[in-house]
Amino acid sequence: MKEQLLSKAAEMFLTLGVKSVTMDEIAAEMGISKKTIYAHFPTKTKLIEATALSFFETISAGIQEIRNEDNDAIEELFQIKEFACQNLKDEKSSPQYQLQKYYPKIYATIKDKQKHVLEELTTENLEKGIAKGIYRKDLPVRFLTRIYFIGILGIKDREIFGEEEFTTKELTNMHLEYHLRAIVTPKGLEKLETLLKSQDKI
């Protein structure tokens, strides 16, 4: 029951927003009593925290599976981007913004975990791409790992990138292309252009 609760809560929070979804609505969606939810999570804040952590672990596990496939560095980032977009379902409710505004402690915890995972991923990806000759050799790796992470957070700020202008998928696609165009070699650019053309056909 606990896992089902976390799954349904994640779905509703992503679609409707952590602030607007009530415990009554989650109970109604699941066909259970609110009392049953409180037996597992004594407050809505506890449910939000557990849901955010569970969702983070799910995304992290999926990213690790992709990394384990050991594809070339550019393909790896495209696969991770597609995986993230599928799981975030276009984030119509801007969950990052709502967590930051209404549940800052939970947001800070998740942000710190994201930073650790993304810095490790980006560092390894950059080193792999440099070794294969598809990323430039002179790249400032430590700087790029952090600027890439800041970009991931930044494109989710709906005060800067309004929903009426950009979808989450558009922003994610543009951010990745921007990152890669800045670091690829001519050989890497050929690979990038091929993947971008394939993406346009989807």
N, C-alpha and C. Protein backbone atom coordinates (compact mmCIF):
# COMPACT_ATOMS: atom_id res chain seq x y z
N MET A 1 0.82 -1.22 0.00
CA MET A 1 0.00 0.00 0.00
C MET A 1 0.86 1.26 0.00
N LYS A 2 1.95 1.23 0.76
CA LYS A 2 2.81 2.40 0.85
C LYS A 2 3.38 2.78 -0.52
N GLU A 3 3.84 1.77 -1.28
CA GLU A 3 4.41 2.03 -2.61
C GLU A 3 3.34 2.56 -3.56
N GLN A 4 2.12 2.02 -3.45
CA GLN A 4 1.01 2.49 -4.30
C GLN A 4 0.69 3.95 -3.99
N LEU A 5 0.71 4.27 -2.70
CA LEU A 5 0.47 5.65 -2.27
C LEU A 5 1.50 6.60 -2.85
N LEU A 6 2.76 6.21 -2.76
CA LEU A 6 3.84 7.05 -3.28
C LEU A 6 3.72 7.24 -4.80
N SER A 7 3.34 6.16 -5.49
CA SER A 7 3.20 6.23 -6.94
C SER A 7 2.06 7.16 -7.34
N LYS A 8 0.91 7.01 -6.68
CA LYS A 8 -0.25 7.86 -6.99
C LYS A 8 0.01 9.31 -6.60
N ALA A 9 0.64 9.52 -5.45
CA ALA A 9 0.95 10.88 -5.01
C ALA A 9 1.90 11.56 -6.00
N ALA A 10 2.91 10.83 -6.46
CA ALA A 10 3.87 11.39 -7.42
C ALA A 10 3.16 11.81 -8.70
N GLU A 11 2.28 10.94 -9.19
CA GLU A 11 1.52 11.23 -10.40
C GLU A 11 0.68 12.50 -10.25
N MET A 12 0.00 12.62 -9.12
CA MET A 12 -0.88 13.77 -8.88
C MET A 12 -0.09 15.05 -8.62
N PHE A 13 1.00 14.93 -7.88
CA PHE A 13 1.82 16.12 -7.60
C PHE A 13 2.44 16.67 -8.88
N LEU A 14 2.89 15.77 -9.76
CA LEU A 14 3.50 16.21 -11.02
C LEU A 14 2.46 16.88 -11.93
N THR A 15 1.26 16.34 -11.91
CA THR A 15 0.21 16.85 -12.81
C THR A 15 -0.47 18.10 -12.26
N LEU A 16 -0.78 18.09 -10.97
CA LEU A 16 -1.60 19.15 -10.38
C LEU A 16 -0.85 20.09 -9.45
N GLY A 17 0.31 19.64 -8.96
CA GLY A 17 1.09 20.49 -8.05
C GLY A 17 1.00 20.05 -6.61
N VAL A 18 2.11 20.15 -5.88
CA VAL A 18 2.15 19.68 -4.49
C VAL A 18 1.27 20.53 -3.59
N LYS A 19 1.10 21.78 -3.93
CA LYS A 19 0.31 22.68 -3.08
C LYS A 19 -1.18 22.42 -3.21
N SER A 20 -1.64 22.17 -4.43
CA SER A 20 -3.08 22.09 -4.65
C SER A 20 -3.69 20.72 -4.33
N VAL A 21 -2.90 19.66 -4.42
CA VAL A 21 -3.44 18.32 -4.17
C VAL A 21 -3.67 18.12 -2.67
N THR A 22 -4.86 17.64 -2.31
CA THR A 22 -5.18 17.39 -0.90
C THR A 22 -5.12 15.90 -0.59
N MET A 23 -5.03 15.59 0.68
CA MET A 23 -5.05 14.18 1.10
C MET A 23 -6.39 13.55 0.74
N ASP A 24 -7.46 14.32 0.83
CA ASP A 24 -8.79 13.81 0.45
C ASP A 24 -8.82 13.39 -1.02
N GLU A 25 -8.19 14.19 -1.87
CA GLU A 25 -8.19 13.89 -3.31
C GLU A 25 -7.36 12.63 -3.61
N ILE A 26 -6.25 12.48 -2.91
CA ILE A 26 -5.43 11.28 -3.10
C ILE A 26 -6.21 10.05 -2.65
N ALA A 27 -6.87 10.16 -1.51
CA ALA A 27 -7.68 9.05 -0.99
C ALA A 27 -8.79 8.68 -1.97
N ALA A 28 -9.46 9.69 -2.50
CA ALA A 28 -10.56 9.46 -3.45
C ALA A 28 -10.05 8.78 -4.72
N GLU A 29 -8.91 9.23 -5.22
CA GLU A 29 -8.32 8.64 -6.43
C GLU A 29 -7.98 7.17 -6.23
N MET A 30 -7.57 6.84 -5.01
CA MET A 30 -7.15 5.47 -4.73
C MET A 30 -8.29 4.59 -4.20
N GLY A 31 -9.41 5.23 -3.89
CA GLY A 31 -10.54 4.48 -3.36
C GLY A 31 -10.29 3.96 -1.95
N ILE A 32 -9.56 4.75 -1.16
CA ILE A 32 -9.28 4.37 0.22
C ILE A 32 -9.67 5.53 1.14
N SER A 33 -9.62 5.30 2.43
CA SER A 33 -9.94 6.38 3.37
C SER A 33 -8.69 7.22 3.64
N LYS A 34 -8.94 8.45 4.03
CA LYS A 34 -7.82 9.34 4.37
C LYS A 34 -7.06 8.76 5.57
N LYS A 35 -7.77 8.05 6.42
CA LYS A 35 -7.17 7.44 7.60
C LYS A 35 -6.06 6.46 7.20
N THR A 36 -6.29 5.76 6.10
CA THR A 36 -5.29 4.79 5.61
C THR A 36 -4.00 5.51 5.21
N ILE A 37 -4.15 6.67 4.58
CA ILE A 37 -2.96 7.45 4.19
C ILE A 37 -2.21 7.89 5.44
N TYR A 38 -2.95 8.39 6.43
CA TYR A 38 -2.32 8.90 7.64
C TYR A 38 -1.65 7.79 8.45
N ALA A 39 -2.08 6.56 8.24
CA ALA A 39 -1.44 5.44 8.92
C ALA A 39 0.01 5.27 8.44
N HIS A 40 0.25 5.66 7.19
CA HIS A 40 1.60 5.57 6.61
C HIS A 40 2.35 6.89 6.68
N PHE A 41 1.62 7.99 6.50
CA PHE A 41 2.22 9.32 6.47
C PHE A 41 1.39 10.26 7.34
N PRO A 42 1.86 10.60 8.55
CA PRO A 42 1.06 11.36 9.50
C PRO A 42 0.69 12.78 9.06
N THR A 43 1.44 13.34 8.10
CA THR A 43 1.12 14.68 7.60
C THR A 43 1.33 14.72 6.08
N LYS A 44 0.74 15.72 5.46
CA LYS A 44 0.94 15.89 4.02
C LYS A 44 2.41 16.18 3.73
N THR A 45 3.06 16.94 4.58
CA THR A 45 4.49 17.25 4.38
C THR A 45 5.33 15.98 4.36
N LYS A 46 5.01 15.04 5.25
CA LYS A 46 5.75 13.76 5.29
C LYS A 46 5.52 12.98 3.99
N LEU A 47 4.28 13.05 3.48
CA LEU A 47 3.97 12.36 2.23
C LEU A 47 4.73 13.00 1.07
N ILE A 48 4.77 14.32 1.04
CA ILE A 48 5.49 15.03 -0.03
C ILE A 48 6.98 14.69 0.02
N GLU A 49 7.53 14.69 1.22
CA GLU A 49 8.95 14.37 1.38
C GLU A 49 9.26 12.95 0.89
N ALA A 50 8.44 12.00 1.32
CA ALA A 50 8.66 10.60 0.93
C ALA A 50 8.48 10.43 -0.57
N THR A 51 7.50 11.11 -1.13
CA THR A 51 7.24 11.02 -2.57
C THR A 51 8.40 11.61 -3.37
N ALA A 52 8.88 12.77 -2.94
CA ALA A 52 9.99 13.42 -3.64
C ALA A 52 11.24 12.55 -3.61
N LEU A 53 11.53 11.96 -2.45
CA LEU A 53 12.72 11.11 -2.32
C LEU A 53 12.57 9.83 -3.14
N SER A 54 11.37 9.24 -3.12
CA SER A 54 11.12 8.03 -3.88
C SER A 54 11.24 8.29 -5.38
N PHE A 55 10.68 9.42 -5.81
CA PHE A 55 10.74 9.77 -7.23
C PHE A 55 12.18 10.03 -7.66
N PHE A 56 12.93 10.70 -6.80
CA PHE A 56 14.34 10.96 -7.08
C PHE A 56 15.11 9.64 -7.24
N GLU A 57 14.85 8.68 -6.36
CA GLU A 57 15.55 7.39 -6.42
C GLU A 57 15.18 6.64 -7.70
N THR A 58 13.91 6.74 -8.12
CA THR A 58 13.47 6.09 -9.36
C THR A 58 14.20 6.66 -10.56
N ILE A 59 14.26 8.00 -10.63
CA ILE A 59 14.96 8.66 -11.73
C ILE A 59 16.45 8.32 -11.71
N SER A 60 17.05 8.35 -10.52
CA SER A 60 18.48 8.05 -10.39
C SER A 60 18.79 6.62 -10.84
N ALA A 61 17.92 5.68 -10.47
CA ALA A 61 18.13 4.28 -10.86
C ALA A 61 18.03 4.12 -12.38
N GLY A 62 17.07 4.83 -12.99
CA GLY A 62 16.92 4.78 -14.45
C GLY A 62 18.13 5.36 -15.16
N ILE A 63 18.65 6.46 -14.62
CA ILE A 63 19.84 7.09 -15.19
C ILE A 63 21.05 6.15 -15.08
N GLN A 64 21.17 5.47 -13.94
CA GLN A 64 22.29 4.55 -13.75
C GLN A 64 22.21 3.39 -14.74
N GLU A 65 21.01 2.90 -15.01
CA GLU A 65 20.85 1.82 -15.99
C GLU A 65 21.35 2.25 -17.36
N ILE A 66 21.01 3.49 -17.74
CA ILE A 66 21.46 4.02 -19.03
C ILE A 66 22.98 4.14 -19.05
N ARG A 67 23.55 4.64 -17.95
CA ARG A 67 25.02 4.76 -17.87
C ARG A 67 25.69 3.40 -17.99
N ASN A 68 25.06 2.38 -17.42
CA ASN A 68 25.64 1.02 -17.46
C ASN A 68 25.69 0.44 -18.87
N GLU A 69 24.86 0.97 -19.78
CA GLU A 69 24.85 0.48 -21.16
C GLU A 69 26.14 0.86 -21.89
N ASP A 70 26.83 1.86 -21.39
CA ASP A 70 28.12 2.29 -21.91
C ASP A 70 28.06 2.68 -23.40
N ASN A 71 27.05 3.46 -23.76
CA ASN A 71 26.99 4.03 -25.10
C ASN A 71 27.95 5.20 -25.18
N ASP A 72 28.14 5.77 -26.40
CA ASP A 72 29.04 6.91 -26.46
C ASP A 72 28.41 8.08 -25.71
N ALA A 73 29.24 9.06 -25.37
CA ALA A 73 28.85 10.12 -24.44
C ALA A 73 27.64 10.93 -24.92
N ILE A 74 27.58 11.23 -26.21
CA ILE A 74 26.47 12.04 -26.73
C ILE A 74 25.17 11.24 -26.71
N GLU A 75 25.23 10.00 -27.16
CA GLU A 75 24.04 9.13 -27.12
C GLU A 75 23.53 8.97 -25.69
N GLU A 76 24.44 8.81 -24.76
CA GLU A 76 24.08 8.64 -23.36
C GLU A 76 23.25 9.83 -22.86
N LEU A 77 23.69 11.04 -23.16
CA LEU A 77 22.95 12.22 -22.71
C LEU A 77 21.57 12.31 -23.38
N PHE A 78 21.48 11.93 -24.64
CA PHE A 78 20.19 11.94 -25.32
C PHE A 78 19.24 10.92 -24.68
N GLN A 79 19.75 9.75 -24.35
CA GLN A 79 18.91 8.72 -23.72
C GLN A 79 18.44 9.16 -22.34
N ILE A 80 19.33 9.78 -21.58
CA ILE A 80 18.96 10.26 -20.25
C ILE A 80 17.91 11.36 -20.35
N LYS A 81 18.08 12.24 -21.32
CA LYS A 81 17.10 13.31 -21.53
C LYS A 81 15.72 12.75 -21.87
N GLU A 82 15.67 11.75 -22.76
CA GLU A 82 14.39 11.14 -23.13
C GLU A 82 13.74 10.44 -21.93
N PHE A 83 14.56 9.75 -21.16
CA PHE A 83 14.06 9.05 -19.97
C PHE A 83 13.46 10.06 -18.98
N ALA A 84 14.16 11.16 -18.75
CA ALA A 84 13.68 12.18 -17.82
C ALA A 84 12.38 12.80 -18.31
N CYS A 85 12.30 13.11 -19.60
CA CYS A 85 11.08 13.72 -20.16
C CYS A 85 9.89 12.78 -20.03
N GLN A 86 10.09 11.50 -20.27
CA GLN A 86 9.00 10.53 -20.16
C GLN A 86 8.48 10.45 -18.73
N ASN A 87 9.38 10.50 -17.77
CA ASN A 87 8.98 10.36 -16.37
C ASN A 87 8.42 11.64 -15.77
N LEU A 88 8.85 12.79 -16.27
CA LEU A 88 8.37 14.06 -15.72
C LEU A 88 7.06 14.51 -16.34
N LYS A 89 6.64 13.87 -17.44
CA LYS A 89 5.34 14.13 -18.05
C LYS A 89 5.08 15.62 -18.29
N ASP A 90 6.08 16.34 -18.69
CA ASP A 90 6.02 17.77 -19.00
C ASP A 90 5.76 18.66 -17.79
N GLU A 91 5.74 18.10 -16.60
CA GLU A 91 5.71 18.90 -15.36
C GLU A 91 4.80 20.12 -15.44
N LYS A 92 3.53 19.90 -15.78
CA LYS A 92 2.61 21.04 -15.95
C LYS A 92 2.45 21.86 -14.67
N SER A 93 2.73 21.26 -13.54
CA SER A 93 2.52 21.96 -12.27
C SER A 93 3.77 22.65 -11.74
N SER A 94 4.88 22.58 -12.48
CA SER A 94 6.16 23.15 -12.02
C SER A 94 6.49 22.70 -10.59
N PRO A 95 6.66 21.38 -10.37
CA PRO A 95 6.88 20.87 -9.01
C PRO A 95 8.12 21.44 -8.33
N GLN A 96 9.19 21.69 -9.10
CA GLN A 96 10.39 22.24 -8.49
C GLN A 96 10.10 23.61 -7.87
N TYR A 97 9.39 24.45 -8.63
CA TYR A 97 9.06 25.80 -8.15
C TYR A 97 8.18 25.73 -6.90
N GLN A 98 7.20 24.82 -6.91
CA GLN A 98 6.30 24.70 -5.76
C GLN A 98 7.02 24.17 -4.53
N LEU A 99 7.89 23.19 -4.72
CA LEU A 99 8.67 22.69 -3.59
C LEU A 99 9.53 23.80 -3.01
N GLN A 100 10.18 24.55 -3.90
CA GLN A 100 11.07 25.62 -3.47
C GLN A 100 10.30 26.68 -2.67
N LYS A 101 9.10 26.98 -3.11
CA LYS A 101 8.32 28.05 -2.49
C LYS A 101 7.62 27.61 -1.20
N TYR A 102 7.01 26.43 -1.22
CA TYR A 102 6.17 26.01 -0.09
C TYR A 102 6.82 24.99 0.85
N TYR A 103 7.81 24.24 0.33
CA TYR A 103 8.46 23.22 1.15
C TYR A 103 9.99 23.33 0.97
N PRO A 104 10.58 24.45 1.38
CA PRO A 104 11.99 24.72 1.10
C PRO A 104 12.97 23.69 1.66
N LYS A 105 12.66 23.09 2.82
CA LYS A 105 13.57 22.09 3.39
C LYS A 105 13.62 20.84 2.52
N ILE A 106 12.46 20.42 2.04
CA ILE A 106 12.41 19.25 1.16
C ILE A 106 13.14 19.57 -0.15
N TYR A 107 12.89 20.76 -0.67
CA TYR A 107 13.54 21.19 -1.91
C TYR A 107 15.07 21.17 -1.76
N ALA A 108 15.56 21.68 -0.64
CA ALA A 108 17.01 21.75 -0.41
C ALA A 108 17.62 20.35 -0.36
N THR A 109 16.91 19.40 0.26
CA THR A 109 17.39 18.02 0.34
C THR A 109 17.49 17.40 -1.05
N ILE A 110 16.43 17.56 -1.85
CA ILE A 110 16.41 16.99 -3.20
C ILE A 110 17.45 17.66 -4.08
N LYS A 111 17.57 18.97 -3.97
CA LYS A 111 18.55 19.70 -4.78
C LYS A 111 19.97 19.20 -4.50
N ASP A 112 20.28 18.97 -3.23
CA ASP A 112 21.61 18.49 -2.86
C ASP A 112 21.87 17.11 -3.46
N LYS A 113 20.85 16.24 -3.43
CA LYS A 113 20.99 14.90 -4.01
C LYS A 113 21.15 14.97 -5.53
N GLN A 114 20.36 15.85 -6.15
CA GLN A 114 20.46 16.03 -7.60
C GLN A 114 21.87 16.50 -7.99
N LYS A 115 22.39 17.42 -7.22
CA LYS A 115 23.71 17.98 -7.51
C LYS A 115 24.77 16.88 -7.49
N HIS A 116 24.70 16.04 -6.49
CA HIS A 116 25.68 14.95 -6.37
C HIS A 116 25.59 14.01 -7.57
N VAL A 117 24.37 13.59 -7.92
CA VAL A 117 24.19 12.65 -9.03
C VAL A 117 24.60 13.28 -10.36
N LEU A 118 24.16 14.52 -10.60
CA LEU A 118 24.46 15.16 -11.88
C LEU A 118 25.93 15.52 -12.05
N GLU A 119 26.58 15.89 -10.97
CA GLU A 119 28.01 16.20 -11.07
C GLU A 119 28.81 14.94 -11.39
N GLU A 120 28.44 13.84 -10.76
CA GLU A 120 29.12 12.57 -11.04
C GLU A 120 28.87 12.14 -12.48
N LEU A 121 27.60 12.21 -12.90
CA LEU A 121 27.22 11.83 -14.26
C LEU A 121 27.94 12.70 -15.29
N THR A 122 27.91 14.01 -15.10
CA THR A 122 28.48 14.93 -16.09
C THR A 122 30.00 14.79 -16.16
N THR A 123 30.64 14.63 -15.01
CA THR A 123 32.10 14.45 -15.00
C THR A 123 32.49 13.20 -15.78
N GLU A 124 31.82 12.09 -15.51
CA GLU A 124 32.12 10.83 -16.19
C GLU A 124 31.82 10.95 -17.68
N ASN A 125 30.70 11.62 -18.02
CA ASN A 125 30.31 11.77 -19.42
C ASN A 125 31.34 12.62 -20.18
N LEU A 126 31.78 13.71 -19.56
CA LEU A 126 32.78 14.57 -20.20
C LEU A 126 34.09 13.81 -20.42
N GLU A 127 34.53 13.07 -19.41
CA GLU A 127 35.79 12.33 -19.53
C GLU A 127 35.69 11.25 -20.62
N LYS A 128 34.52 10.62 -20.70
CA LYS A 128 34.30 9.60 -21.72
C LYS A 128 34.33 10.22 -23.12
N GLY A 129 33.66 11.36 -23.27
CA GLY A 129 33.62 12.03 -24.57
C GLY A 129 34.97 12.55 -25.00
N ILE A 130 35.75 13.06 -24.06
CA ILE A 130 37.10 13.54 -24.36
C ILE A 130 37.98 12.37 -24.81
N ALA A 131 37.88 11.26 -24.10
CA ALA A 131 38.69 10.07 -24.43
C ALA A 131 38.39 9.53 -25.82
N LYS A 132 37.13 9.66 -26.25
CA LYS A 132 36.70 9.14 -27.56
C LYS A 132 36.87 10.16 -28.68
N GLY A 133 37.29 11.37 -28.32
CA GLY A 133 37.52 12.38 -29.35
C GLY A 133 36.28 13.10 -29.85
N ILE A 134 35.16 12.95 -29.14
CA ILE A 134 33.94 13.64 -29.59
C ILE A 134 33.68 14.92 -28.77
N TYR A 135 34.41 15.07 -27.64
CA TYR A 135 34.41 16.33 -26.89
C TYR A 135 35.84 16.90 -26.96
N ARG A 136 35.94 18.21 -26.90
CA ARG A 136 37.25 18.86 -26.95
C ARG A 136 38.12 18.49 -25.75
N LYS A 137 39.42 18.43 -25.97
CA LYS A 137 40.34 18.03 -24.90
C LYS A 137 40.55 19.12 -23.85
N ASP A 138 40.34 20.37 -24.25
CA ASP A 138 40.67 21.49 -23.36
C ASP A 138 39.50 21.93 -22.47
N LEU A 139 38.53 21.08 -22.27
CA LEU A 139 37.32 21.47 -21.53
C LEU A 139 37.60 21.65 -20.03
N PRO A 140 37.04 22.70 -19.41
CA PRO A 140 37.14 22.88 -17.95
C PRO A 140 36.07 22.01 -17.26
N VAL A 141 36.42 20.78 -16.99
CA VAL A 141 35.44 19.78 -16.55
C VAL A 141 34.71 20.20 -15.27
N ARG A 142 35.41 20.65 -14.27
CA ARG A 142 34.77 21.02 -13.00
C ARG A 142 33.76 22.16 -13.19
N PHE A 143 34.13 23.12 -14.02
CA PHE A 143 33.23 24.24 -14.30
C PHE A 143 31.98 23.74 -15.04
N LEU A 144 32.19 22.91 -16.05
CA LEU A 144 31.07 22.43 -16.87
C LEU A 144 30.08 21.58 -16.09
N THR A 145 30.58 20.77 -15.16
CA THR A 145 29.66 19.95 -14.36
C THR A 145 28.71 20.84 -13.57
N ARG A 146 29.21 21.97 -13.08
CA ARG A 146 28.38 22.85 -12.26
C ARG A 146 27.47 23.73 -13.10
N ILE A 147 27.97 24.22 -14.23
CA ILE A 147 27.14 25.07 -15.08
C ILE A 147 26.01 24.25 -15.71
N TYR A 148 26.29 22.98 -15.99
CA TYR A 148 25.25 22.10 -16.54
C TYR A 148 24.14 21.89 -15.51
N PHE A 149 24.54 21.68 -14.26
CA PHE A 149 23.56 21.49 -13.18
C PHE A 149 22.73 22.76 -12.98
N ILE A 150 23.38 23.92 -12.99
CA ILE A 150 22.66 25.18 -12.83
C ILE A 150 21.66 25.37 -13.97
N GLY A 151 22.06 24.96 -15.17
CA GLY A 151 21.16 25.04 -16.32
C GLY A 151 19.94 24.17 -16.16
N ILE A 152 20.14 22.96 -15.66
CA ILE A 152 19.01 22.03 -15.42
C ILE A 152 18.01 22.66 -14.45
N LEU A 153 18.51 23.26 -13.38
CA LEU A 153 17.62 23.93 -12.43
C LEU A 153 16.99 25.16 -13.05
N GLY A 154 17.79 25.92 -13.79
CA GLY A 154 17.33 27.19 -14.33
C GLY A 154 16.19 27.07 -15.32
N ILE A 155 16.21 26.04 -16.18
CA ILE A 155 15.14 25.92 -17.17
C ILE A 155 13.82 25.51 -16.54
N LYS A 156 13.85 25.10 -15.28
CA LYS A 156 12.62 24.74 -14.59
C LYS A 156 11.99 25.93 -13.86
N ASP A 157 12.64 27.08 -13.93
CA ASP A 157 12.12 28.29 -13.29
C ASP A 157 11.09 28.93 -14.20
N ARG A 158 9.82 28.77 -13.86
CA ARG A 158 8.75 29.25 -14.73
C ARG A 158 8.58 30.76 -14.69
N GLU A 159 9.24 31.42 -13.77
CA GLU A 159 9.23 32.89 -13.79
C GLU A 159 10.14 33.41 -14.91
N ILE A 160 11.13 32.61 -15.26
CA ILE A 160 12.05 32.98 -16.35
C ILE A 160 11.57 32.37 -17.67
N PHE A 161 11.23 31.09 -17.63
CA PHE A 161 10.76 30.39 -18.83
C PHE A 161 9.27 30.06 -18.65
N GLY A 162 8.42 30.99 -19.02
CA GLY A 162 6.98 30.84 -18.81
C GLY A 162 6.38 29.69 -19.60
N GLU A 163 5.36 29.05 -19.02
CA GLU A 163 4.69 27.92 -19.66
C GLU A 163 4.07 28.29 -20.99
N GLU A 164 3.67 29.57 -21.12
CA GLU A 164 3.04 30.00 -22.37
C GLU A 164 4.06 30.09 -23.52
N GLU A 165 5.34 30.09 -23.18
CA GLU A 165 6.39 30.18 -24.20
C GLU A 165 7.03 28.84 -24.51
N PHE A 166 7.30 28.04 -23.47
CA PHE A 166 8.06 26.80 -23.64
C PHE A 166 7.42 25.65 -22.88
N THR A 167 7.45 24.46 -23.49
CA THR A 167 7.11 23.25 -22.75
C THR A 167 8.39 22.74 -22.08
N THR A 168 8.23 21.87 -21.11
CA THR A 168 9.40 21.29 -20.44
C THR A 168 10.27 20.52 -21.44
N LYS A 169 9.61 19.81 -22.37
CA LYS A 169 10.37 19.04 -23.35
C LYS A 169 11.19 19.96 -24.26
N GLU A 170 10.61 21.06 -24.70
CA GLU A 170 11.34 22.01 -25.54
C GLU A 170 12.56 22.56 -24.81
N LEU A 171 12.37 22.94 -23.56
CA LEU A 171 13.47 23.49 -22.77
C LEU A 171 14.57 22.46 -22.56
N THR A 172 14.17 21.22 -22.27
CA THR A 172 15.16 20.16 -22.04
C THR A 172 15.96 19.88 -23.31
N ASN A 173 15.26 19.84 -24.46
CA ASN A 173 15.94 19.61 -25.74
C ASN A 173 16.93 20.74 -26.04
N MET A 174 16.48 21.98 -25.87
CA MET A 174 17.34 23.13 -26.19
C MET A 174 18.54 23.23 -25.25
N HIS A 175 18.31 22.91 -23.97
CA HIS A 175 19.40 22.96 -23.00
C HIS A 175 20.49 21.94 -23.34
N LEU A 176 20.07 20.73 -23.70
CA LEU A 176 21.05 19.70 -24.03
C LEU A 176 21.81 20.07 -25.30
N GLU A 177 21.10 20.56 -26.32
CA GLU A 177 21.78 20.94 -27.56
C GLU A 177 22.78 22.08 -27.31
N TYR A 178 22.36 23.04 -26.50
CA TYR A 178 23.23 24.18 -26.15
C TYR A 178 24.51 23.69 -25.47
N HIS A 179 24.34 22.77 -24.53
CA HIS A 179 25.48 22.20 -23.80
C HIS A 179 26.43 21.47 -24.76
N LEU A 180 25.87 20.63 -25.60
CA LEU A 180 26.72 19.81 -26.47
C LEU A 180 27.42 20.62 -27.56
N ARG A 181 26.72 21.58 -28.13
CA ARG A 181 27.35 22.39 -29.18
C ARG A 181 28.57 23.15 -28.64
N ALA A 182 28.56 23.42 -27.37
CA ALA A 182 29.68 24.16 -26.77
C ALA A 182 30.91 23.29 -26.53
N ILE A 183 30.75 21.97 -26.55
CA ILE A 183 31.87 21.10 -26.13
C ILE A 183 32.33 20.09 -27.18
N VAL A 184 31.55 19.90 -28.25
CA VAL A 184 31.90 18.83 -29.19
C VAL A 184 33.05 19.23 -30.13
N THR A 185 33.74 18.20 -30.61
CA THR A 185 34.72 18.34 -31.68
C THR A 185 33.98 18.23 -33.01
N PRO A 186 34.64 18.46 -34.15
CA PRO A 186 33.97 18.24 -35.45
C PRO A 186 33.38 16.82 -35.56
N LYS A 187 34.11 15.84 -35.06
CA LYS A 187 33.60 14.45 -35.07
C LYS A 187 32.34 14.34 -34.21
N GLY A 188 32.37 14.97 -33.04
CA GLY A 188 31.20 14.95 -32.16
C GLY A 188 30.02 15.71 -32.75
N LEU A 189 30.31 16.76 -33.49
CA LEU A 189 29.25 17.56 -34.11
C LEU A 189 28.49 16.73 -35.14
N GLU A 190 29.19 15.90 -35.88
CA GLU A 190 28.53 15.02 -36.85
C GLU A 190 27.54 14.10 -36.13
N LYS A 191 27.99 13.54 -35.02
CA LYS A 191 27.13 12.65 -34.24
C LYS A 191 25.93 13.41 -33.70
N LEU A 192 26.16 14.60 -33.17
CA LEU A 192 25.09 15.42 -32.62
C LEU A 192 24.06 15.77 -33.68
N GLU A 193 24.51 16.18 -34.86
CA GLU A 193 23.59 16.55 -35.94
C GLU A 193 22.73 15.35 -36.35
N THR A 194 23.33 14.18 -36.39
CA THR A 194 22.58 12.96 -36.74
C THR A 194 21.49 12.69 -35.71
N LEU A 195 21.83 12.81 -34.42
CA LEU A 195 20.85 12.56 -33.37
C LEU A 195 19.75 13.61 -33.36
N LEU A 196 20.10 14.85 -33.64
CA LEU A 196 19.09 15.92 -33.69
C LEU A 196 18.10 15.68 -34.83
N LYS A 197 18.61 15.21 -35.99
CA LYS A 197 17.73 14.91 -37.11
C LYS A 197 16.78 13.76 -36.77
N SER A 198 17.32 12.74 -36.08
CA SER A 198 16.47 11.60 -35.65
C SER A 198 15.41 12.07 -34.68
N GLN A 199 15.78 12.98 -33.79
CA GLN A 199 14.85 13.52 -32.79
C GLN A 199 13.72 14.29 -33.47
N ASP A 200 14.04 15.03 -34.51
CA ASP A 200 13.03 15.82 -35.23
C ASP A 200 11.98 14.96 -35.90
N LYS A 201 12.36 13.72 -36.21
CA LYS A 201 11.44 12.81 -36.91
C LYS A 201 10.46 12.14 -35.95
N ILE A 202 10.76 12.21 -34.65
CA ILE A 202 9.92 11.53 -33.65
C ILE A 202 8.63 12.30 -33.45
